Amino acid sequence: MIEILNKVTGAVLYRADVTTVVAAVEAAVKAGVSLSWARLAGVNLKDAYLAGANLAGANLAMAYLAGANLAGADLAGANLKGANLAEANLKDAYLAGAYLEGANLAGANLAGADLAGADLEGANLAGADLAGANFAEANLDKTREDFYAILSSAHAEIPALWKALLDGKVDGSAYEGECACLVGTIAKARGADYRAMSPNSTRSAERWFFAIRRGDTPDNSAVSRLTVEWLREYAERESIALPSRRVVWSDAGPVS
């Protein structure tokens, strides 16, 4: 017998005559039972079918949700700190105010997801589908400040980074090549080896750039759009002129 409890009161939200937590959670969702405020920290819900589930306010910290189907689920205010959501289906999920610090969202489908006010500090968004995702008022203060810290020693390269973002010539997964990540793009514009810049893929800013893929522009990518806004803000603050036109890039650099 598995019981799913309220994280605050300890009251039983659902009880099932099954042997695993994942079976109990799936059964509750199938029966239309609300699991709002459920105590599910650290549980293994790999590949679970939880589409449309009500998990608002649930404690899912460090939960293993890789490959889970959470399409359309209500996860508003849920604690997903450090949770593994790699390759999970979160299409159209409601994640407003969710706590996703350090969560692994690599390859997750977040198309149309509402992340308004969510805490995404240090989240891994590499390869995630963020088409139409809403980042309004999401907590990314530490990520933005880390981005600015990197820019503080790269003022001369900011126009080149600006052009690369506008032209869809950034690839957060690569340090070298025609399209490169934050550090790689700065190094390319500087004509230097990126290794001389002490790259660190665990830094918040570099992890943020994981979510920008070749072809992503402010027109089709919420992450690219927000990054451009941050870059414009920094450039204005530091009185750095940004080019008004777009360019075509090659391995050798920008070509007018």
C-alpha atoms as a PDB file:
ATOM      1  CA  MET A   1       0.000   0.000   0.000  1.00  0.00           C
ATOM      2  CA  ILE A   2       1.373   3.404  -1.022  1.00  0.00           C
ATOM      3  CA  GLU A   3       0.095   6.653   0.471  1.00  0.00           C
ATOM      4  CA  ILE A   4       0.637  10.131  -0.963  1.00  0.00           C
ATOM      5  CA  LEU A   5       0.608  12.715   1.817  1.00  0.00           C
ATOM      6  CA  ASN A   6       0.085  16.467   2.070  1.00  0.00           C
ATOM      7  CA  LYS A   7       3.514  18.038   2.600  1.00  0.00           C
ATOM      8  CA  VAL A   8       2.261  20.341   5.372  1.00  0.00           C
ATOM      9  CA  THR A   9      -0.483  18.527   7.252  1.00  0.00           C
ATOM     10  CA  GLY A  10       0.514  14.930   6.549  1.00  0.00           C
ATOM     11  CA  ALA A  11      -3.064  14.150   5.534  1.00  0.00           C
ATOM     12  CA  VAL A  12      -3.513  11.329   3.043  1.00  0.00           C
ATOM     13  CA  LEU A  13      -4.237  12.717  -0.427  1.00  0.00           C
ATOM     14  CA  TYR A  14      -4.424   9.316  -2.104  1.00  0.00           C
ATOM     15  CA  ARG A  15      -3.930   5.694  -1.157  1.00  0.00           C
ATOM     16  CA  ALA A  16      -3.376   2.859  -3.622  1.00  0.00           C
ATOM     17  CA  ASP A  17      -2.776  -0.867  -3.320  1.00  0.00           C
ATOM     18  CA  VAL A  18       0.367  -0.788  -5.454  1.00  0.00           C
ATOM     19  CA  THR A  19       4.054  -1.412  -4.821  1.00  0.00           C
ATOM     20  CA  THR A  20       5.680   1.715  -6.268  1.00  0.00           C
ATOM     21  CA  VAL A  21       5.262   5.454  -5.840  1.00  0.00           C
ATOM     22  CA  VAL A  22       5.127   5.990  -9.599  1.00  0.00           C
ATOM     23  CA  ALA A  23       2.181   3.577  -9.876  1.00  0.00           C
ATOM     24  CA  ALA A  24       0.380   5.377  -7.038  1.00  0.00           C
ATOM     25  CA  VAL A  25       0.941   8.816  -8.554  1.00  0.00           C
ATOM     26  CA  GLU A  26      -0.163   7.679 -12.001  1.00  0.00           C
ATOM     27  CA  ALA A  27      -3.278   6.089 -10.520  1.00  0.00           C
ATOM     28  CA  ALA A  28      -4.134   9.282  -8.651  1.00  0.00           C
ATOM     29  CA  VAL A  29      -3.748  11.382 -11.784  1.00  0.00           C
ATOM     30  CA  LYS A  30      -5.809   8.925 -13.833  1.00  0.00           C
ATOM     31  CA  ALA A  31      -8.569   9.137 -11.207  1.00  0.00           C
ATOM     32  CA  GLY A  32      -8.517  12.923 -11.344  1.00  0.00           C
ATOM     33  CA  VAL A  33      -7.294  13.288  -7.750  1.00  0.00           C
ATOM     34  CA  SER A  34      -5.601  16.583  -6.927  1.00  0.00           C
ATOM     35  CA  LEU A  35      -2.031  16.137  -5.709  1.00  0.00           C
ATOM     36  CA  SER A  36      -1.662  19.782  -4.863  1.00  0.00           C
ATOM     37  CA  TRP A  37       0.835  20.220  -2.006  1.00  0.00           C
ATOM     38  CA  ALA A  38       1.848  16.566  -2.206  1.00  0.00           C
ATOM     39  CA  ARG A  39       4.994  15.334  -0.464  1.00  0.00           C
ATOM     40  CA  LEU A  40       7.001  13.807  -3.315  1.00  0.00           C
ATOM     41  CA  ALA A  41      10.552  15.008  -2.722  1.00  0.00           C
ATOM     42  CA  GLY A  42      13.195  12.701  -4.162  1.00  0.00           C
ATOM     43  CA  VAL A  43      10.745  10.197  -5.603  1.00  0.00           C
ATOM     44  CA  ASN A  44      11.426   8.260  -8.793  1.00  0.00           C
ATOM     45  CA  LEU A  45       8.799   9.187 -11.384  1.00  0.00           C
ATOM     46  CA  LYS A  46      10.850   8.366 -14.465  1.00  0.00           C
ATOM     47  CA  ASP A  47       8.697   8.146 -17.598  1.00  0.00           C
ATOM     48  CA  ALA A  48       5.531   8.599 -15.531  1.00  0.00           C
ATOM     49  CA  TYR A  49       2.348   9.591 -17.361  1.00  0.00           C
ATOM     50  CA  LEU A  50       1.166  12.675 -15.492  1.00  0.00           C
ATOM     51  CA  ALA A  51      -0.396  14.761 -18.251  1.00  0.00           C
ATOM     52  CA  GLY A  52      -2.863  17.261 -16.831  1.00  0.00           C
ATOM     53  CA  ALA A  53      -1.914  16.471 -13.231  1.00  0.00           C
ATOM     54  CA  ASN A  54      -2.602  18.980 -10.468  1.00  0.00           C
ATOM     55  CA  LEU A  55       0.722  19.214  -8.648  1.00  0.00           C
ATOM     56  CA  ALA A  56       0.472  22.861  -7.678  1.00  0.00           C
ATOM     57  CA  GLY A  57       2.635  23.580  -4.652  1.00  0.00           C
ATOM     58  CA  ALA A  58       3.874  19.988  -4.496  1.00  0.00           C
ATOM     59  CA  ASN A  59       7.317  19.248  -3.062  1.00  0.00           C
ATOM     60  CA  LEU A  60       9.183  17.523  -5.882  1.00  0.00           C
ATOM     61  CA  ALA A  61      12.665  18.664  -4.882  1.00  0.00           C
ATOM     62  CA  MET A  62      15.324  16.295  -6.254  1.00  0.00           C
ATOM     63  CA  ALA A  63      12.619  14.120  -7.817  1.00  0.00           C
ATOM     64  CA  TYR A  64      13.573  11.992 -10.816  1.00  0.00           C
ATOM     65  CA  LEU A  65      11.132  12.948 -13.568  1.00  0.00           C
ATOM     66  CA  ALA A  66      13.257  12.242 -16.628  1.00  0.00           C
ATOM     67  CA  GLY A  67      11.033  11.417 -19.590  1.00  0.00           C
ATOM     68  CA  ALA A  68       7.835  12.031 -17.619  1.00  0.00           C
ATOM     69  CA  ASN A  69       4.769  13.294 -19.468  1.00  0.00           C
ATOM     70  CA  LEU A  70       3.625  16.429 -17.645  1.00  0.00           C
ATOM     71  CA  ALA A  71       1.939  18.078 -20.609  1.00  0.00           C
ATOM     72  CA  GLY A  72      -0.607  20.604 -19.411  1.00  0.00           C
ATOM     73  CA  ALA A  73       0.141  19.828 -15.767  1.00  0.00           C
ATOM     74  CA  ASP A  74      -0.392  22.448 -13.061  1.00  0.00           C
ATOM     75  CA  LEU A  75       2.930  22.868 -11.271  1.00  0.00           C
ATOM     76  CA  ALA A  76       2.363  26.418 -10.066  1.00  0.00           C
ATOM     77  CA  GLY A  77       4.523  27.105  -7.029  1.00  0.00           C
ATOM     78  CA  ALA A  78       5.886  23.557  -6.998  1.00  0.00           C
ATOM     79  CA  ASN A  79       9.302  22.943  -5.478  1.00  0.00           C
ATOM     80  CA  LEU A  80      11.373  21.329  -8.227  1.00  0.00           C
ATOM     81  CA  LYS A  81      14.770  22.345  -6.911  1.00  0.00           C
ATOM     82  CA  GLY A  82      17.404  20.006  -8.326  1.00  0.00           C
ATOM     83  CA  ALA A  83      14.771  17.822  -9.975  1.00  0.00           C
ATOM     84  CA  ASN A  84      15.758  15.819 -13.039  1.00  0.00           C
ATOM     85  CA  LEU A  85      13.311  16.686 -15.814  1.00  0.00           C
ATOM     86  CA  ALA A  86      15.550  15.745 -18.727  1.00  0.00           C
ATOM     87  CA  GLU A  87      13.527  14.948 -21.852  1.00  0.00           C
ATOM     88  CA  ALA A  88      10.287  15.472 -19.901  1.00  0.00           C
ATOM     89  CA  ASN A  89       7.189  16.651 -21.757  1.00  0.00           C
ATOM     90  CA  LEU A  90       6.116  19.924 -20.128  1.00  0.00           C
ATOM     91  CA  LYS A  91       4.285  21.289 -23.148  1.00  0.00           C
ATOM     92  CA  ASP A  92       1.772  23.933 -22.058  1.00  0.00           C
ATOM     93  CA  ALA A  93       2.502  23.160 -18.399  1.00  0.00           C
ATOM     94  CA  TYR A  94       1.695  25.842 -15.836  1.00  0.00           C
ATOM     95  CA  LEU A  95       4.902  26.510 -13.896  1.00  0.00           C
ATOM     96  CA  ALA A  96       4.196  30.032 -12.671  1.00  0.00           C
ATOM     97  CA  GLY A  97       6.166  30.665  -9.493  1.00  0.00           C
ATOM     98  CA  ALA A  98       7.720  27.190  -9.559  1.00  0.00           C
ATOM     99  CA  TYR A  99      11.098  26.742  -7.852  1.00  0.00           C
ATOM    100  CA  LEU A 100      13.402  25.235 -10.479  1.00  0.00           C
ATOM    101  CA  GLU A 101      16.803  26.227  -9.140  1.00  0.00           C
ATOM    102  CA  GLY A 102      19.411  23.773 -10.403  1.00  0.00           C
ATOM    103  CA  ALA A 103      16.796  21.633 -12.151  1.00  0.00           C
ATOM    104  CA  ASN A 104      17.869  19.567 -15.138  1.00  0.00           C
ATOM    105  CA  LEU A 105      15.584  20.496 -18.045  1.00  0.00           C
ATOM    106  CA  ALA A 106      17.939  19.353 -20.786  1.00  0.00           C
ATOM    107  CA  GLY A 107      15.973  18.308 -23.850  1.00  0.00           C
ATOM    108  CA  ALA A 108      12.659  18.976 -22.132  1.00  0.00           C
ATOM    109  CA  ASN A 109       9.646  20.088 -24.156  1.00  0.00           C
ATOM    110  CA  LEU A 110       8.636  23.419 -22.609  1.00  0.00           C
ATOM    111  CA  ALA A 111       6.824  24.737 -25.661  1.00  0.00           C
ATOM    112  CA  GLY A 112       4.042  27.030 -24.533  1.00  0.00           C
ATOM    113  CA  ALA A 113       4.906  26.530 -20.857  1.00  0.00           C
ATOM    114  CA  ASP A 114       4.082  29.353 -18.465  1.00  0.00           C
ATOM    115  CA  LEU A 115       7.199  30.084 -16.398  1.00  0.00           C
ATOM    116  CA  ALA A 116       6.088  33.499 -15.183  1.00  0.00           C
ATOM    117  CA  GLY A 117       7.791  34.274 -11.885  1.00  0.00           C
ATOM    118  CA  ALA A 118       9.554  30.889 -11.796  1.00  0.00           C
ATOM    119  CA  ASP A 119      12.998  30.615 -10.202  1.00  0.00           C
ATOM    120  CA  LEU A 120      15.293  29.256 -12.905  1.00  0.00           C
ATOM    121  CA  GLU A 121      18.662  30.078 -11.372  1.00  0.00           C
ATOM    122  CA  GLY A 122      21.226  27.512 -12.509  1.00  0.00           C
ATOM    123  CA  ALA A 123      18.678  25.396 -14.385  1.00  0.00           C
ATOM    124  CA  ASN A 124      20.058  23.356 -17.280  1.00  0.00           C
ATOM    125  CA  LEU A 125      18.042  24.229 -20.389  1.00  0.00           C
ATOM    126  CA  ALA A 126      20.369  22.641 -22.935  1.00  0.00           C
ATOM    127  CA  GLY A 127      18.410  21.540 -25.978  1.00  0.00           C
ATOM    128  CA  ALA A 128      15.058  22.373 -24.377  1.00  0.00           C
ATOM    129  CA  ASP A 129      12.183  23.381 -26.653  1.00  0.00           C
ATOM    130  CA  LEU A 130      11.131  26.793 -25.336  1.00  0.00           C
ATOM    131  CA  ALA A 131       8.975  27.918 -28.267  1.00  0.00           C
ATOM    132  CA  GLY A 132       6.271  30.196 -26.949  1.00  0.00           C
ATOM    133  CA  ALA A 133       7.372  29.808 -23.328  1.00  0.00           C
ATOM    134  CA  ASN A 134       6.569  32.705 -21.022  1.00  0.00           C
ATOM    135  CA  PHE A 135       9.491  33.963 -18.908  1.00  0.00           C
ATOM    136  CA  ALA A 136       7.793  37.117 -17.631  1.00  0.00           C
ATOM    137  CA  GLU A 137       9.241  38.110 -14.249  1.00  0.00           C
ATOM    138  CA  ALA A 138      11.111  34.813 -13.939  1.00  0.00           C
ATOM    139  CA  ASN A 139      13.869  34.962 -11.327  1.00  0.00           C
ATOM    140  CA  LEU A 140      17.110  35.009 -13.283  1.00  0.00           C
ATOM    141  CA  ASP A 141      18.892  37.765 -11.364  1.00  0.00           C
ATOM    142  CA  LYS A 142      22.002  35.715 -10.577  1.00  0.00           C
ATOM    143  CA  THR A 143      22.206  34.505 -14.171  1.00  0.00           C
ATOM    144  CA  ARG A 144      21.941  38.042 -15.523  1.00  0.00           C
ATOM    145  CA  GLU A 145      24.590  39.320 -13.103  1.00  0.00           C
ATOM    146  CA  ASP A 146      26.932  36.466 -14.052  1.00  0.00           C
ATOM    147  CA  PHE A 147      26.378  37.350 -17.714  1.00  0.00           C
ATOM    148  CA  TYR A 148      27.285  40.953 -16.912  1.00  0.00           C
ATOM    149  CA  ALA A 149      30.385  39.791 -15.035  1.00  0.00           C
ATOM    150  CA  ILE A 150      31.608  38.027 -18.180  1.00  0.00           C
ATOM    151  CA  LEU A 151      30.771  41.054 -20.309  1.00  0.00           C
ATOM    152  CA  SER A 152      32.697  43.344 -17.950  1.00  0.00           C
ATOM    153  CA  SER A 153      35.966  42.035 -19.390  1.00  0.00           C
ATOM    154  CA  ALA A 154      34.713  41.826 -22.974  1.00  0.00           C
ATOM    155  CA  HIS A 155      33.482  45.327 -23.840  1.00  0.00           C
ATOM    156  CA  ALA A 156      35.216  45.325 -27.225  1.00  0.00           C
ATOM    157  CA  GLU A 157      33.472  42.075 -28.195  1.00  0.00           C
ATOM    158  CA  ILE A 158      29.947  43.081 -27.186  1.00  0.00           C
ATOM    159  CA  PRO A 159      28.964  44.370 -30.672  1.00  0.00           C
ATOM    160  CA  ALA A 160      30.043  41.031 -32.170  1.00  0.00           C
ATOM    161  CA  LEU A 161      28.040  39.093 -29.574  1.00  0.00           C
ATOM    162  CA  TRP A 162      25.049  41.333 -30.304  1.00  0.00           C
ATOM    163  CA  LYS A 163      25.293  40.584 -34.035  1.00  0.00           C
ATOM    164  CA  ALA A 164      25.659  36.864 -33.425  1.00  0.00           C
ATOM    165  CA  LEU A 165      22.518  36.779 -31.280  1.00  0.00           C
ATOM    166  CA  LEU A 166      20.495  38.769 -33.805  1.00  0.00           C
ATOM    167  CA  ASP A 167      21.653  36.588 -36.683  1.00  0.00           C
ATOM    168  CA  GLY A 168      21.008  33.259 -34.982  1.00  0.00           C
ATOM    169  CA  LYS A 169      24.727  32.507 -34.938  1.00  0.00           C
ATOM    170  CA  VAL A 170      25.009  31.364 -31.326  1.00  0.00           C
ATOM    171  CA  ASP A 171      25.171  27.717 -30.294  1.00  0.00           C
ATOM    172  CA  GLY A 172      25.371  27.280 -26.543  1.00  0.00           C
ATOM    173  CA  SER A 173      26.624  23.703 -26.885  1.00  0.00           C
ATOM    174  CA  ALA A 174      29.840  24.538 -28.759  1.00  0.00           C
ATOM    175  CA  TYR A 175      32.935  26.531 -27.865  1.00  0.00           C
ATOM    176  CA  GLU A 176      34.213  26.651 -31.436  1.00  0.00           C
ATOM    177  CA  GLY A 177      32.871  26.831 -34.978  1.00  0.00           C
ATOM    178  CA  GLU A 178      30.687  29.118 -37.032  1.00  0.00           C
ATOM    179  CA  CYS A 179      28.185  29.248 -34.187  1.00  0.00           C
ATOM    180  CA  ALA A 180      29.543  29.129 -30.662  1.00  0.00           C
ATOM    181  CA  CYS A 181      28.474  29.680 -27.070  1.00  0.00           C
ATOM    182  CA  LEU A 182      28.932  32.845 -25.014  1.00  0.00           C
ATOM    183  CA  VAL A 183      32.617  32.333 -24.256  1.00  0.00           C
ATOM    184  CA  GLY A 184      33.288  30.887 -27.705  1.00  0.00           C
ATOM    185  CA  THR A 185      31.664  33.837 -29.489  1.00  0.00           C
ATOM    186  CA  ILE A 186      33.643  36.335 -27.414  1.00  0.00           C
ATOM    187  CA  ALA A 187      36.866  34.414 -28.051  1.00  0.00           C
ATOM    188  CA  LYS A 188      36.167  34.264 -31.784  1.00  0.00           C
ATOM    189  CA  ALA A 189      35.552  38.016 -31.923  1.00  0.00           C
ATOM    190  CA  ARG A 190      38.769  38.571 -29.981  1.00  0.00           C
ATOM    191  CA  GLY A 191      40.753  36.265 -32.234  1.00  0.00           C
ATOM    192  CA  ALA A 192      41.761  34.207 -29.211  1.00  0.00           C
ATOM    193  CA  ASP A 193      41.598  30.600 -28.041  1.00  0.00           C
ATOM    194  CA  TYR A 194      38.511  30.156 -25.893  1.00  0.00           C
ATOM    195  CA  ARG A 195      40.567  28.112 -23.410  1.00  0.00           C
ATOM    196  CA  ALA A 196      42.439  31.277 -22.472  1.00  0.00           C
ATOM    197  CA  MET A 197      39.163  32.611 -21.064  1.00  0.00           C
ATOM    198  CA  SER A 198      38.861  29.833 -18.461  1.00  0.00           C
ATOM    199  CA  PRO A 199      35.479  28.522 -19.647  1.00  0.00           C
ATOM    200  CA  ASN A 200      33.282  27.017 -16.959  1.00  0.00           C
ATOM    201  CA  SER A 201      30.162  25.177 -18.096  1.00  0.00           C
ATOM    202  CA  THR A 202      28.774  25.236 -14.549  1.00  0.00           C
ATOM    203  CA  ARG A 203      28.532  29.039 -14.489  1.00  0.00           C
ATOM    204  CA  SER A 204      24.993  30.370 -14.537  1.00  0.00           C
ATOM    205  CA  ALA A 205      25.525  32.458 -17.667  1.00  0.00           C
ATOM    206  CA  GLU A 206      27.063  29.593 -19.637  1.00  0.00           C
ATOM    207  CA  ARG A 207      24.270  27.245 -18.560  1.00  0.00           C
ATOM    208  CA  TRP A 208      21.741  29.851 -19.719  1.00  0.00           C
ATOM    209  CA  PHE A 209      23.389  29.936 -23.144  1.00  0.00           C
ATOM    210  CA  PHE A 210      22.960  26.148 -23.399  1.00  0.00           C
ATOM    211  CA  ALA A 211      19.346  26.919 -24.309  1.00  0.00           C
ATOM    212  CA  ILE A 212      20.334  28.985 -27.356  1.00  0.00           C
ATOM    213  CA  ARG A 213      20.791  26.918 -30.490  1.00  0.00           C
ATOM    214  CA  ARG A 214      21.963  27.758 -33.972  1.00  0.00           C
ATOM    215  CA  GLY A 215      19.170  29.606 -35.737  1.00  0.00           C
ATOM    216  CA  ASP A 216      17.640  30.948 -32.517  1.00  0.00           C
ATOM    217  CA  THR A 217      16.958  34.680 -32.741  1.00  0.00           C
ATOM    218  CA  PRO A 218      14.952  37.159 -30.657  1.00  0.00           C
ATOM    219  CA  ASP A 219      12.115  36.550 -33.136  1.00  0.00           C
ATOM    220  CA  ASN A 220      11.783  32.810 -32.486  1.00  0.00           C
ATOM    221  CA  SER A 221      13.430  32.151 -29.118  1.00  0.00           C
ATOM    222  CA  ALA A 222      12.351  33.459 -25.724  1.00  0.00           C
ATOM    223  CA  VAL A 223      15.832  32.816 -24.318  1.00  0.00           C
ATOM    224  CA  SER A 224      17.539  34.664 -27.163  1.00  0.00           C
ATOM    225  CA  ARG A 225      15.076  37.547 -26.827  1.00  0.00           C
ATOM    226  CA  LEU A 226      15.687  37.920 -23.098  1.00  0.00           C
ATOM    227  CA  THR A 227      19.453  37.642 -23.581  1.00  0.00           C
ATOM    228  CA  VAL A 228      19.356  40.428 -26.158  1.00  0.00           C
ATOM    229  CA  GLU A 229      17.379  42.568 -23.726  1.00  0.00           C
ATOM    230  CA  TRP A 230      20.014  41.990 -21.052  1.00  0.00           C
ATOM    231  CA  LEU A 231      22.794  42.780 -23.512  1.00  0.00           C
ATOM    232  CA  ARG A 232      21.104  46.002 -24.598  1.00  0.00           C
ATOM    233  CA  GLU A 233      20.627  46.996 -20.965  1.00  0.00           C
ATOM    234  CA  TYR A 234      24.304  46.388 -20.192  1.00  0.00           C
ATOM    235  CA  ALA A 235      25.500  48.223 -23.302  1.00  0.00           C
ATOM    236  CA  GLU A 236      23.376  51.252 -22.474  1.00  0.00           C
ATOM    237  CA  ARG A 237      24.641  51.260 -18.897  1.00  0.00           C
ATOM    238  CA  GLU A 238      28.251  51.132 -20.062  1.00  0.00           C
ATOM    239  CA  SER A 239      27.714  53.518 -23.026  1.00  0.00           C
ATOM    240  CA  ILE A 240      28.692  50.853 -25.569  1.00  0.00           C
ATOM    241  CA  ALA A 241      27.360  51.447 -29.074  1.00  0.00           C
ATOM    242  CA  LEU A 242      25.559  48.514 -30.666  1.00  0.00           C
ATOM    243  CA  PRO A 243      25.344  48.031 -34.441  1.00  0.00           C
ATOM    244  CA  SER A 244      21.933  48.558 -35.955  1.00  0.00           C
ATOM    245  CA  ARG A 245      22.402  46.137 -38.843  1.00  0.00           C
ATOM    246  CA  ARG A 246      22.763  42.400 -39.021  1.00  0.00           C
ATOM    247  CA  VAL A 247      25.701  40.598 -40.547  1.00  0.00           C
ATOM    248  CA  VAL A 248      26.494  37.190 -41.972  1.00  0.00           C
ATOM    249  CA  TRP A 249      29.068  35.208 -40.024  1.00  0.00           C
ATOM    250  CA  SER A 250      31.750  32.801 -41.201  1.00  0.00           C
ATOM    251  CA  ASP A 251      34.393  30.883 -39.297  1.00  0.00           C
ATOM    252  CA  ALA A 252      36.724  33.797 -39.920  1.00  0.00           C
ATOM    253  CA  GLY A 253      34.362  36.265 -38.257  1.00  0.00           C
ATOM    254  CA  PRO A 254      31.675  38.759 -39.308  1.00  0.00           C
ATOM    255  CA  VAL A 255      31.281  39.496 -43.000  1.00  0.00           C
ATOM    256  CA  SER A 256      29.302  42.594 -44.027  1.00  0.00           C
END
